[in-house]
């Protein structure tokens, strides 16, 4: 079984960079509400970040050619991940995590982490999150 953790941590690191641009610029952590209130434009370009677009319950950005897409979770959590977003991220990076060139391989690993109790799914979210024992905070 390959180790999915480095891919997840790399993805979470870039998600943190992306959302931090908004936290710092707008002094808000409730990014979706801020877009509804028109404090933050739904799409645009930010110096140092690149093009971005809010969608549904998430945010997508292309930073230095890397596709970073996150669905914000309950209480505006930005530390969730799923197979699709990890796959797109890995693909846009040129597959540095070569064991995970297919979404199915990522899904299998996520299910294995869930079975081992290392990740969890919380109510009203399809994202996976690290359990408290292994969580790497994105704050």
Protein backbone atom coordinates (compact mmCIF):
# COMPACT_ATOMS: atom_id res chain seq x y z
CA UNK A 1 0.00 0.00 0.00
CA UNK A 2 1.42 3.38 -1.03
CA UNK A 3 1.53 6.32 1.31
CA UNK A 4 -1.04 8.96 0.43
CA UNK A 5 -0.11 11.25 3.34
CA UNK A 6 2.60 13.28 1.48
CA UNK A 7 0.15 14.10 -1.33
CA UNK A 8 -2.52 15.16 1.16
CA UNK A 9 -0.06 17.33 3.09
CA UNK A 10 1.26 18.99 -0.09
CA UNK A 11 -2.33 19.71 -1.18
CA UNK A 12 -3.24 21.08 2.26
CA UNK A 13 -0.16 23.29 2.26
CA UNK A 14 -1.20 24.90 -1.05
CA UNK A 15 -4.81 25.20 0.13
CA UNK A 16 -3.51 27.02 3.20
CA UNK A 17 -1.52 29.42 0.99
CA UNK A 18 -4.59 30.04 -1.17
CA UNK A 19 -7.09 30.75 1.61
CA UNK A 20 -4.50 32.79 3.54
CA UNK A 21 -4.43 35.32 0.68
CA UNK A 22 -8.14 35.91 1.29
CA UNK A 23 -7.90 35.83 5.09
CA UNK A 24 -5.13 38.42 5.00
CA UNK A 25 -6.56 40.69 2.33
CA UNK A 26 -10.18 40.74 3.52
CA UNK A 27 -9.67 40.05 7.24
CA UNK A 28 -12.43 37.43 7.04
CA UNK A 29 -12.40 33.68 7.53
CA UNK A 30 -16.00 33.17 6.38
CA UNK A 31 -15.07 33.30 2.72
CA UNK A 32 -18.33 31.98 1.26
CA UNK A 33 -20.44 34.42 3.28
CA UNK A 34 -18.09 37.22 2.23
CA UNK A 35 -18.73 36.38 -1.44
CA UNK A 36 -22.50 36.34 -0.88
CA UNK A 37 -22.20 39.73 0.83
CA UNK A 38 -20.11 40.90 -2.16
CA UNK A 39 -17.15 41.75 0.08
CA UNK A 40 -15.04 39.34 -1.96
CA UNK A 41 -15.65 39.12 -5.74
CA UNK A 42 -16.74 35.61 -6.84
CA UNK A 43 -13.90 35.50 -9.36
CA UNK A 44 -10.88 37.51 -10.24
CA UNK A 45 -7.13 37.70 -10.05
CA UNK A 46 -4.98 38.51 -7.04
CA UNK A 47 -1.32 39.49 -7.26
CA UNK A 48 0.76 36.63 -5.90
CA UNK A 49 -2.15 34.21 -6.07
CA UNK A 50 -3.38 34.15 -9.65
CA UNK A 51 -6.84 33.57 -11.04
CA UNK A 52 -9.49 32.37 -8.62
CA UNK A 53 -13.16 31.47 -8.64
CA UNK A 54 -15.58 30.69 -5.85
CA UNK A 55 -18.01 27.91 -6.75
CA UNK A 56 -20.83 26.30 -4.84
CA UNK A 57 -19.22 25.63 -1.46
CA UNK A 58 -15.64 26.00 -2.58
CA UNK A 59 -12.79 27.93 -4.09
CA UNK A 60 -10.58 27.11 -7.07
CA UNK A 61 -7.33 28.81 -7.95
CA UNK A 62 -4.46 28.31 -10.36
CA UNK A 63 -1.29 29.22 -8.49
CA UNK A 64 1.86 29.11 -10.61
CA UNK A 65 0.19 26.59 -12.92
CA UNK A 66 -1.02 24.38 -10.06
CA UNK A 67 -4.74 23.74 -9.75
CA UNK A 68 -5.90 24.06 -6.16
CA UNK A 69 -9.59 23.44 -5.50
CA UNK A 70 -11.14 23.06 -2.06
CA UNK A 71 -14.67 22.65 -0.80
CA UNK A 72 -15.01 24.57 2.41
CA UNK A 73 -16.44 22.48 5.18
CA UNK A 74 -18.53 23.20 8.25
CA UNK A 75 -17.45 26.35 10.10
CA UNK A 76 -15.49 27.36 6.98
CA UNK A 77 -12.96 24.57 7.45
CA UNK A 78 -10.37 24.48 4.66
CA UNK A 79 -8.57 21.30 5.72
CA UNK A 80 -10.81 18.74 4.02
CA UNK A 81 -9.82 16.65 1.01
CA UNK A 82 -11.30 14.12 -1.36
CA UNK A 83 -10.09 11.87 -4.16
CA UNK A 84 -11.14 14.17 -6.99
CA UNK A 85 -9.38 17.27 -5.66
CA UNK A 86 -6.24 15.32 -4.74
CA UNK A 87 -6.15 13.81 -8.23
CA UNK A 88 -6.59 17.19 -9.98
CA UNK A 89 -3.92 18.71 -7.75
CA UNK A 90 -1.45 15.87 -8.39
CA UNK A 91 -2.14 15.99 -12.14
CA UNK A 92 -1.60 19.77 -12.34
CA UNK A 93 1.73 19.34 -10.49
CA UNK A 94 2.88 16.81 -13.13
CA UNK A 95 2.19 13.72 -10.99
CA UNK A 96 5.06 14.05 -8.50
CA UNK A 97 3.17 11.46 -6.43
CA UNK A 98 3.43 8.88 -9.20
CA UNK A 99 1.57 6.10 -7.37
CA UNK A 100 -1.57 8.21 -7.62
CA UNK A 101 -2.11 8.85 -11.34
CA UNK A 102 -5.70 7.62 -11.11
CA UNK A 103 -8.54 8.76 -8.91
CA UNK A 104 -9.37 5.15 -8.06
CA UNK A 105 -5.96 4.62 -6.43
CA UNK A 106 -6.56 7.69 -4.28
CA UNK A 107 -10.07 6.55 -3.37
CA UNK A 108 -8.72 3.16 -2.31
CA UNK A 109 -6.10 4.79 -0.10
CA UNK A 110 -8.63 7.15 1.46
CA UNK A 111 -10.92 4.23 2.30
CA UNK A 112 -7.93 2.46 3.86
CA UNK A 113 -7.14 5.53 5.98
CA UNK A 114 -10.80 5.68 7.01
CA UNK A 115 -10.79 2.01 8.00
CA UNK A 116 -7.63 2.55 10.08
CA UNK A 117 -9.23 5.53 11.85
CA UNK A 118 -6.68 8.02 10.53
CA UNK A 119 -9.25 10.09 8.65
CA UNK A 120 -12.93 10.68 9.22
CA UNK A 121 -15.96 12.03 7.46
CA UNK A 122 -18.06 14.45 9.41
CA UNK A 123 -21.83 14.99 9.07
CA UNK A 124 -22.98 17.08 6.11
CA UNK A 125 -19.64 16.82 4.31
CA UNK A 126 -18.21 14.34 1.83
CA UNK A 127 -14.68 15.57 2.54
CA UNK A 128 -12.23 13.52 4.53
CA UNK A 129 -10.49 15.11 7.50
CA UNK A 130 -7.55 13.93 9.59
CA UNK A 131 -8.68 12.60 12.94
CA UNK A 132 -7.56 14.51 16.03
CA UNK A 133 -4.69 12.07 16.61
CA UNK A 134 -3.02 12.82 13.27
CA UNK A 135 -4.43 16.22 12.33
CA UNK A 136 -2.10 18.72 10.78
CA UNK A 137 -3.87 22.04 11.44
CA UNK A 138 -4.24 24.37 8.47
CA UNK A 139 -4.77 27.46 10.62
